[in-house]
Amino acid sequence: MKISKNNEISPQKYVEIFYKKMGINSTVKPEHFWRQLTKKFGKIADEFGDCVEAREKGENVNPYILKNSSMEFANAIASQFDSAKIKEIFTWFINQNFDWKEKKIIEIGCDNGILLCLFASIFHESQFIGIDPCEQAILLAKERAKLLDLKNIEFHVSSADKINQEHRNAKFDFILAFTVFHEILGDGFIAKNSTLMNGDDDTFSITDVDKSFNQIIRRDESLVAIKESLTQEGKFISVDRWVDQNQLLKWIRLNEKIGLNFSLTESVILQIKQPDSTVDLLPLSVLSTIEKPPLRACDILSFRSYPTYLQAKALQKISDQVMAELLYESFDKTEFYFHKITYNNGSGTLHTHMGVAQGIGYIYTTTNTNFRELIIIPSALISEKISEVVEARINAESYASVEYKTSINDVFSTLSINIESFDSAPQKINK
């Protein structure tokens, strides 16, 4: 079965077919789910519900043994709590067009193997390994792979910090971890460290948190093992429950200290709709050992703000000429691109400026007839607008004289901007 965005079957449809084969259903309203779960599974359903409730209150309980008591029960739980997340993650992966041919992939905290079996069912030429510390989960994962007759997958009871010793120093092209590290690092280091999270020592801004965090950062053995297990071009991809920008900042800084660097252009904020109609925002981090400058705190903040930005249409484009110019002139600007279009009919000229001002990316367009327009976007996403600006410049070549220039600076490497993406016009202003 061929899967693609435009051809025989979409990623979403493929997941639905896979779910049907596995006995995984759609989510329902919470009250209906718990009522039906108790009706069908009795005591084990009530015990699992009590465990989930205790966990939400911060008690140190383990729901995974109960969750994986049987394949049918595990699938029922996955239908309600995991199916939407798995579909979003899988769709993102397919849309990235990664080269999966003859790759080696390991998933940390694979649970009962739904997502990894989904990958293995498509990418037959790659080898998949799933590890999880819960023995009951691994037993079900092996059963799931057997039901699907998958020959390119194996599962082991293990944990992230043991990757090297238990897999004979193997190197992996992809290391995956989905909603795992908030538990591994949630012992007070990321989620509950009040000196970094609650404003102690006058830490009220993300940059203040950044400074204090660097003073107490420690190496994490799981992340060290991950770094040492990646191939030279390998990627560590993690989806996590970092609830705010401070937690995301600490996660990125921890990885940077270990030598795993965050890719702004590949990473996203997944929006997962929950059964109660709320939406979870889960950062999907793409990290690698490729060297690059540490991210600025303002760029991390801009990355985290992107879903909110998309909903705030009034903030995206400012067409009032006075307000546009006031805001533009107030920025502490780092400009990396400019073009000038002089119309052949003598009607005037148009200037477009593109750059960043701390965590804000901007595109400022003016004409000699007093037109002013300012588009702002989180700096982490400014690279997505480059093609639109270049396309407008190229289209103008048929009816205008066009000049442009690029100014190489640290922003290019920090935001993963490719300077070649600007170079398509015949004439440049001297740099």
Protein backbone atom coordinates (compact mmCIF):
# COMPACT_ATOMS: atom_id res chain seq x y z
CA MET A 1 0.00 0.00 0.00
CA LYS A 2 1.45 3.33 -1.07
CA ILE A 3 1.08 6.23 1.32
CA SER A 4 1.52 9.89 0.40
CA LYS A 5 -0.11 13.26 0.78
CA ASN A 6 -1.50 13.29 -2.76
CA ASN A 7 -1.59 9.79 -4.19
CA GLU A 8 -3.27 6.55 -3.18
CA ILE A 9 -3.89 7.09 0.53
CA SER A 10 -3.35 9.92 3.01
CA PRO A 11 -1.43 9.43 6.28
CA GLN A 12 -4.64 10.04 8.25
CA LYS A 13 -6.55 7.41 6.27
CA TYR A 14 -3.76 4.89 6.69
CA VAL A 15 -3.86 5.37 10.45
CA GLU A 16 -7.62 4.80 10.47
CA ILE A 17 -7.20 1.52 8.55
CA PHE A 18 -4.43 0.46 10.94
CA TYR A 19 -6.58 1.33 13.97
CA LYS A 20 -9.47 -0.72 12.63
CA LYS A 21 -7.18 -3.72 12.17
CA MET A 22 -5.88 -3.31 15.72
CA GLY A 23 -9.29 -2.75 17.35
CA ILE A 24 -8.58 0.87 18.26
CA ASN A 25 -11.62 3.15 18.16
CA SER A 26 -12.34 6.89 18.17
CA THR A 27 -12.44 8.99 21.32
CA VAL A 28 -15.75 9.63 23.09
CA LYS A 29 -16.88 11.98 25.84
CA PRO A 30 -15.05 11.22 29.11
CA GLU A 31 -18.14 10.30 31.12
CA HIS A 32 -19.26 7.89 28.40
CA PHE A 33 -15.78 6.35 28.14
CA TRP A 34 -15.42 5.60 31.85
CA ARG A 35 -18.96 4.24 32.08
CA GLN A 36 -18.43 1.87 29.16
CA LEU A 37 -14.96 0.86 30.37
CA THR A 38 -16.33 -0.19 33.76
CA LYS A 39 -19.25 -2.00 32.13
CA LYS A 40 -16.92 -4.02 29.90
CA PHE A 41 -13.88 -4.60 32.12
CA GLY A 42 -15.21 -4.28 35.67
CA LYS A 43 -12.73 -4.07 38.53
CA ILE A 44 -9.61 -3.46 36.43
CA ALA A 45 -11.29 -0.40 34.86
CA ASP A 46 -12.10 1.06 38.29
CA GLU A 47 -8.56 0.41 39.53
CA PHE A 48 -7.09 2.07 36.45
CA GLY A 49 -9.38 5.08 36.88
CA ASP A 50 -8.32 5.46 40.52
CA CYS A 51 -4.67 5.24 39.46
CA VAL A 52 -5.09 7.94 36.80
CA GLU A 53 -6.85 10.21 39.31
CA ALA A 54 -4.11 9.71 41.90
CA ARG A 55 -1.45 10.44 39.29
CA GLU A 56 -3.17 13.70 38.31
CA LYS A 57 -2.98 14.72 41.98
CA GLY A 58 0.78 14.23 41.95
CA GLU A 59 0.93 10.86 43.70
CA ASN A 60 3.75 8.52 42.71
CA VAL A 61 1.73 5.69 41.14
CA ASN A 62 2.34 3.56 38.04
CA PRO A 63 -0.67 3.07 35.73
CA TYR A 64 1.22 1.14 33.05
CA ILE A 65 0.95 -2.32 34.60
CA LEU A 66 -2.82 -1.94 34.84
CA LYS A 67 -3.06 -0.35 31.40
CA ASN A 68 -1.30 -3.31 29.79
CA SER A 69 -3.14 -6.07 31.64
CA SER A 70 -4.59 -7.33 28.33
CA MET A 71 -4.50 -6.36 24.66
CA GLU A 72 -8.20 -5.52 24.62
CA PHE A 73 -7.92 -3.27 27.65
CA ALA A 74 -4.77 -1.58 26.35
CA ASN A 75 -6.49 -0.85 23.03
CA ALA A 76 -9.48 0.63 24.83
CA ILE A 77 -7.22 2.98 26.78
CA ALA A 78 -5.27 3.88 23.63
CA SER A 79 -8.52 4.65 21.80
CA GLN A 80 -9.37 7.33 24.34
CA PHE A 81 -6.00 8.77 25.34
CA ASP A 82 -3.46 8.02 22.58
CA SER A 83 -5.20 7.66 19.21
CA ALA A 84 -5.36 11.39 18.36
CA LYS A 85 -1.75 11.96 19.45
CA ILE A 86 -0.45 8.99 17.46
CA LYS A 87 -2.29 10.15 14.33
CA GLU A 88 -0.81 13.67 14.59
CA ILE A 89 2.73 12.38 15.18
CA PHE A 90 2.53 9.88 12.33
CA THR A 91 1.11 12.49 9.92
CA TRP A 92 3.92 14.90 10.80
CA PHE A 93 6.53 12.22 10.12
CA ILE A 94 5.09 11.30 6.73
CA ASN A 95 4.86 14.96 5.69
CA GLN A 96 8.56 15.48 6.48
CA ASN A 97 9.54 13.08 3.67
CA PHE A 98 12.40 11.63 5.71
CA ASP A 99 14.52 8.99 3.99
CA TRP A 100 13.48 5.80 5.78
CA LYS A 101 15.16 3.32 3.42
CA GLU A 102 17.37 0.85 5.29
CA LYS A 103 17.42 2.96 8.47
CA LYS A 104 17.74 1.87 12.07
CA ILE A 105 15.15 3.34 14.45
CA ILE A 106 14.66 2.92 18.18
CA GLU A 107 11.74 4.20 20.26
CA ILE A 108 12.26 4.93 23.95
CA GLY A 109 9.18 4.27 26.08
CA CYS A 110 7.35 2.46 23.29
CA ASP A 111 4.61 1.20 25.66
CA ASN A 112 2.63 -1.57 23.91
CA GLY A 113 4.05 -0.75 20.49
CA ILE A 114 1.21 0.93 18.59
CA LEU A 115 3.17 3.75 16.97
CA LEU A 116 6.31 1.73 16.24
CA CYS A 117 4.27 -1.08 14.66
CA LEU A 118 2.52 1.57 12.57
CA PHE A 119 5.90 2.76 11.25
CA ALA A 120 7.21 -0.77 10.73
CA SER A 121 4.11 -1.71 8.73
CA ILE A 122 5.05 0.88 6.08
CA PHE A 123 8.84 1.10 6.06
CA HIS A 124 9.64 -2.56 5.48
CA GLU A 125 13.31 -2.01 4.60
CA SER A 126 14.14 -0.38 7.95
CA GLN A 127 14.77 -2.03 11.30
CA PHE A 128 12.76 -0.94 14.35
CA ILE A 129 13.49 -1.51 18.03
CA GLY A 130 11.15 -0.59 20.88
CA ILE A 131 12.19 -0.40 24.53
CA ASP A 132 10.12 0.19 27.66
CA PRO A 133 10.72 -0.55 31.36
CA CYS A 134 7.22 -2.08 31.72
CA GLU A 135 7.42 -5.84 31.10
CA GLN A 136 3.64 -6.15 30.56
CA ALA A 137 3.78 -3.45 27.87
CA ILE A 138 6.61 -5.20 26.03
CA LEU A 139 4.73 -8.52 26.08
CA LEU A 140 1.76 -6.83 24.41
CA ALA A 141 4.04 -5.05 21.92
CA LYS A 142 5.51 -8.39 20.85
CA GLU A 143 2.00 -9.81 20.53
CA ARG A 144 0.94 -6.82 18.42
CA ALA A 145 3.91 -7.25 16.05
CA LYS A 146 3.11 -10.95 15.71
CA LEU A 147 -0.54 -10.24 14.88
CA LEU A 148 0.64 -7.89 12.12
CA ASP A 149 3.26 -10.39 10.93
CA LEU A 150 6.01 -7.76 11.16
CA LYS A 151 9.50 -9.14 10.57
CA ASN A 152 11.42 -5.86 10.91
CA ILE A 153 10.69 -5.03 14.54
CA GLU A 154 11.74 -6.21 18.00
CA PHE A 155 10.89 -5.16 21.56
CA HIS A 156 12.91 -5.27 24.78
CA VAL A 157 12.41 -4.42 28.45
CA SER A 158 14.92 -1.60 28.88
CA SER A 159 15.34 2.15 29.41
CA ALA A 160 16.99 5.09 27.63
CA ASP A 161 20.14 5.18 29.77
CA LYS A 162 20.95 1.57 28.80
CA ILE A 163 20.84 1.99 25.01
CA ASN A 164 24.61 1.69 24.57
CA GLN A 165 25.32 -1.35 26.70
CA GLU A 166 22.25 -3.34 25.71
CA HIS A 167 22.52 -2.67 21.97
CA ARG A 168 26.30 -3.14 21.68
CA ASN A 169 27.01 0.50 20.95
CA ALA A 170 24.75 0.46 17.91
CA LYS A 171 24.17 3.71 16.03
CA PHE A 172 20.63 4.77 15.16
CA ASP A 173 19.37 7.04 12.38
CA PHE A 174 16.30 8.03 14.40
CA ILE A 175 15.76 7.89 18.15
CA LEU A 176 12.14 8.53 19.11
CA ALA A 177 10.57 9.40 22.45
CA PHE A 178 6.92 10.37 22.69
CA THR A 179 5.55 11.87 25.94
CA VAL A 180 8.33 10.16 27.87
CA PHE A 181 10.83 12.75 29.07
CA HIS A 182 8.35 14.71 31.16
CA GLU A 183 8.39 11.57 33.34
CA ILE A 184 12.13 10.88 33.14
CA LEU A 185 12.97 14.50 34.02
CA GLY A 186 9.84 15.33 36.02
CA ASP A 187 11.50 14.61 39.34
CA GLY A 188 11.91 18.29 40.17
CA PHE A 189 14.45 19.11 37.48
CA ILE A 190 12.13 20.28 34.71
CA ALA A 191 8.59 20.33 36.02
CA LYS A 192 8.81 21.11 39.74
CA ASN A 193 11.94 23.17 40.37
CA SER A 194 10.43 26.16 42.13
CA THR A 195 13.63 28.24 42.02
CA LEU A 196 13.32 28.32 38.25
CA MET A 197 9.59 28.21 37.74
CA ASN A 198 7.87 30.35 40.37
CA GLY A 199 9.71 33.66 40.35
CA ASP A 200 12.08 33.01 43.24
CA ASP A 201 15.26 35.10 43.14
CA ASP A 202 13.43 37.63 40.97
CA THR A 203 13.23 35.26 37.98
CA PHE A 204 10.17 36.66 36.26
CA SER A 205 11.14 36.44 32.58
CA ILE A 206 12.31 33.68 30.29
CA THR A 207 15.74 35.28 29.96
CA ASP A 208 16.12 35.42 33.74
CA VAL A 209 15.21 31.73 33.93
CA ASP A 210 17.77 31.08 31.20
CA LYS A 211 20.56 32.68 33.24
CA SER A 212 19.75 30.93 36.52
CA PHE A 213 19.19 27.59 34.80
CA ASN A 214 22.67 27.59 33.31
CA GLN A 215 24.13 27.82 36.80
CA ILE A 216 22.67 24.51 38.03
CA ILE A 217 22.29 22.43 34.86
CA ARG A 218 23.32 18.79 35.15
CA ARG A 219 23.95 16.06 32.63
CA ASP A 220 21.23 13.50 32.21
CA GLU A 221 22.42 9.95 31.54
CA SER A 222 19.46 9.17 29.26
CA LEU A 223 20.24 12.11 26.98
CA VAL A 224 23.97 11.36 27.06
CA ALA A 225 23.21 7.80 25.91
CA ILE A 226 20.96 9.14 23.15
CA LYS A 227 23.65 11.51 21.87
CA GLU A 228 26.23 8.72 21.82
CA SER A 229 23.83 6.40 19.97
CA LEU A 230 22.99 8.71 17.05
CA THR A 231 24.62 8.41 13.64
CA GLN A 232 26.43 11.50 12.35
CA GLU A 233 23.29 12.68 10.51
CA GLY A 234 20.87 11.07 12.97
CA LYS A 235 17.90 12.80 14.59
CA PHE A 236 16.50 12.59 18.10
CA ILE A 237 12.78 13.37 17.92
CA SER A 238 10.86 13.86 21.14
CA VAL A 239 7.27 14.91 21.87
CA ASP A 240 6.86 16.20 25.42
CA ARG A 241 4.34 17.65 27.83
CA TRP A 242 6.23 20.87 28.55
CA VAL A 243 3.35 23.05 29.67
CA ASP A 244 4.99 26.46 29.28
CA GLN A 245 7.94 28.27 27.73
CA ASN A 246 10.11 27.93 30.84
CA GLN A 247 9.96 24.14 30.77
CA LEU A 248 10.64 24.12 27.03
CA LEU A 249 13.61 26.45 27.54
CA LYS A 250 15.10 24.18 30.20
CA TRP A 251 14.60 21.13 27.97
CA ILE A 252 16.44 22.80 25.08
CA ARG A 253 19.25 24.12 27.28
CA LEU A 254 19.77 20.69 28.84
CA ASN A 255 20.09 19.09 25.41
CA GLU A 256 22.48 21.82 24.25
CA LYS A 257 24.76 21.22 27.23
CA ILE A 258 24.93 17.54 26.31
CA GLY A 259 25.58 18.28 22.63
CA LEU A 260 22.11 17.78 21.15
CA ASN A 261 21.06 20.88 19.23
CA PHE A 262 17.48 21.97 18.55
CA SER A 263 16.28 22.55 14.96
CA LEU A 264 13.79 25.42 14.82
CA THR A 265 12.89 24.82 11.18
CA GLU A 266 11.92 21.17 11.73
CA SER A 267 10.39 21.33 15.21
CA VAL A 268 6.68 22.09 15.70
CA ILE A 269 4.03 22.54 18.36
CA LEU A 270 1.50 19.72 17.90
CA GLN A 271 -2.10 20.60 18.70
CA ILE A 272 -3.91 17.52 20.01
CA LYS A 273 -7.66 17.74 20.56
CA GLN A 274 -8.74 15.93 23.72
CA PRO A 275 -12.02 14.08 24.37
CA ASP A 276 -13.26 16.98 26.55
CA SER A 277 -12.69 19.36 23.56
CA THR A 278 -9.64 21.00 25.11
CA VAL A 279 -6.43 21.18 23.05
CA ASP A 280 -3.05 20.01 24.31
CA LEU A 281 0.00 21.85 22.95
CA LEU A 282 2.86 19.35 22.77
CA PRO A 283 6.29 20.55 21.57
CA LEU A 284 7.83 18.16 19.04
CA SER A 285 11.59 18.67 19.25
CA VAL A 286 13.97 17.68 16.46
CA LEU A 287 17.53 17.49 17.79
CA SER A 288 20.85 16.34 16.38
CA THR A 289 24.58 16.41 17.05
CA ILE A 290 25.13 18.88 14.19
CA GLU A 291 26.93 21.87 15.69
CA LYS A 292 25.14 25.23 15.70
CA PRO A 293 25.04 28.29 17.97
CA PRO A 294 22.83 28.00 21.07
CA LEU A 295 19.32 29.28 20.48
CA ARG A 296 18.45 32.67 21.89
CA ALA A 297 15.82 32.59 24.63
CA CYS A 298 13.67 34.96 22.55
CA ASP A 299 13.64 32.50 19.64
CA ILE A 300 12.52 29.68 21.94
CA LEU A 301 9.78 31.95 23.22
CA SER A 302 8.72 32.74 19.64
CA PHE A 303 8.59 29.02 18.82
CA ARG A 304 6.36 28.30 21.81
CA SER A 305 4.06 31.20 20.93
CA TYR A 306 3.34 30.11 17.36
CA PRO A 307 -0.08 28.42 17.93
CA THR A 308 -1.30 31.52 19.78
CA TYR A 309 0.08 33.74 17.04
CA LEU A 310 -1.90 31.85 14.38
CA GLN A 311 -5.12 32.62 16.24
CA ALA A 312 -4.31 36.33 16.65
CA LYS A 313 -4.97 37.49 13.09
CA ALA A 314 -4.85 41.17 14.01
CA LEU A 315 -1.22 40.83 15.08
CA GLN A 316 -0.01 39.29 11.84
CA LYS A 317 -0.45 42.20 9.42
CA ILE A 318 -0.47 45.91 10.30
CA SER A 319 -1.74 47.98 7.37
CA ASP A 320 -2.25 51.30 9.15
CA GLN A 321 0.66 53.28 7.74
CA VAL A 322 1.37 55.28 10.90
CA MET A 323 1.23 52.27 13.26
CA ALA A 324 3.27 50.14 10.85
CA GLU A 325 6.06 52.74 10.71
CA LEU A 326 5.99 53.39 14.46
CA LEU A 327 6.38 49.71 15.27
CA TYR A 328 9.05 49.14 12.63
CA GLU A 329 11.14 52.08 13.84
CA SER A 330 10.84 50.91 17.46
CA PHE A 331 12.43 47.52 16.69
CA ASP A 332 16.06 46.72 17.51
CA LYS A 333 16.46 45.30 14.01
CA THR A 334 18.83 42.74 12.49
CA GLU A 335 18.04 42.94 8.79
CA PHE A 336 19.16 40.09 6.54
CA TYR A 337 17.32 40.82 3.28
CA PHE A 338 16.22 43.84 1.24
CA HIS A 339 14.83 44.29 -2.26
CA LYS A 340 13.94 47.31 -4.36
CA ILE A 341 11.43 47.20 -7.22
CA THR A 342 11.37 50.14 -9.64
CA TYR A 343 8.31 49.97 -11.91
CA ASN A 344 8.93 50.38 -15.67
CA ASN A 345 5.80 52.53 -16.13
CA GLY A 346 7.27 55.24 -13.90
CA SER A 347 4.72 54.79 -11.13
CA GLY A 348 7.35 54.60 -8.40
CA THR A 349 9.36 52.19 -6.28
CA LEU A 350 8.69 49.56 -3.63
CA HIS A 351 11.07 48.57 -0.84
CA THR A 352 10.82 45.34 1.20
CA HIS A 353 12.89 44.76 4.35
CA MET A 354 13.11 41.39 6.09
CA GLY A 355 14.80 40.51 9.37
CA VAL A 356 14.37 39.85 13.06
CA ALA A 357 14.11 41.95 16.19
CA GLN A 358 14.84 39.67 19.13
CA GLY A 359 12.05 37.06 19.05
CA ILE A 360 10.01 38.81 16.35
CA GLY A 361 10.48 38.36 12.62
CA TYR A 362 9.31 41.18 10.37
CA ILE A 363 8.58 41.96 6.72
CA TYR A 364 8.24 45.70 6.16
CA THR A 365 7.04 47.00 2.78
CA THR A 366 6.97 50.68 1.76
CA THR A 367 6.43 52.70 -1.42
CA ASN A 368 7.20 56.27 -2.42
CA THR A 369 3.42 56.87 -2.47
CA ASN A 370 3.28 56.48 1.32
CA PHE A 371 2.12 52.85 1.49
CA ARG A 372 3.27 51.10 4.68
CA GLU A 373 2.65 47.49 5.69
CA LEU A 374 4.29 45.52 8.49
CA ILE A 375 3.96 41.75 8.82
CA ILE A 376 5.23 40.25 12.07
CA ILE A 377 5.80 36.58 12.87
CA PRO A 378 7.66 34.67 15.59
CA SER A 379 11.33 34.67 14.61
CA ALA A 380 11.41 30.86 14.77
CA LEU A 381 9.06 30.77 11.78
CA ILE A 382 10.50 33.62 9.69
CA SER A 383 12.17 31.15 7.31
CA GLU A 384 8.70 30.01 6.22
CA LYS A 385 8.03 33.48 4.75
CA ILE A 386 11.20 33.66 2.64
CA SER A 387 9.70 31.88 -0.38
CA GLU A 388 6.77 34.33 -0.48
CA VAL A 389 9.07 37.36 -0.49
CA VAL A 390 11.38 35.91 -3.14
CA GLU A 391 8.43 34.87 -5.31
CA ALA A 392 7.04 38.43 -5.22
CA ARG A 393 10.43 39.79 -6.27
CA ILE A 394 10.81 37.31 -9.14
CA ASN A 395 7.27 37.98 -10.41
CA ALA A 396 8.09 41.69 -10.57
CA GLU A 397 10.98 41.12 -12.98
CA SER A 398 8.60 41.06 -15.96
CA TYR A 399 7.44 44.63 -15.40
CA ALA A 400 10.06 46.31 -13.20
CA SER A 401 13.74 46.72 -12.51
CA VAL A 402 14.66 44.58 -9.51
CA GLU A 403 17.64 44.77 -7.15
CA TYR A 404 18.22 42.90 -3.88
CA LYS A 405 20.81 42.21 -1.24
CA THR A 406 21.37 39.77 1.59
CA SER A 407 23.35 40.53 4.74
CA ILE A 408 24.91 37.43 6.22
CA ASN A 409 24.95 37.43 10.02
CA ASP A 410 24.53 35.12 13.00
CA VAL A 411 20.77 35.01 12.47
CA PHE A 412 21.25 32.73 9.45
CA SER A 413 22.80 29.93 11.48
CA THR A 414 20.69 30.50 14.60
CA LEU A 415 17.39 30.27 12.70
CA SER A 416 18.64 27.70 10.14
CA ILE A 417 18.12 30.08 7.21
CA ASN A 418 19.66 29.02 3.91
CA ILE A 419 21.13 32.05 2.13
CA GLU A 420 20.77 30.30 -1.24
CA SER A 421 16.99 30.52 -0.88
CA PHE A 422 17.27 34.27 -1.64
CA ASP A 423 19.50 33.99 -4.72
CA SER A 424 17.30 33.76 -7.79
CA ALA A 425 17.32 37.24 -9.35
CA PRO A 426 19.79 38.43 -12.04
CA GLN A 427 20.95 41.63 -10.37
CA LYS A 428 22.21 42.30 -6.86
CA ILE A 429 23.00 45.48 -5.00
CA ASN A 430 26.65 45.41 -4.00
CA LYS A 431 27.03 44.01 -0.50
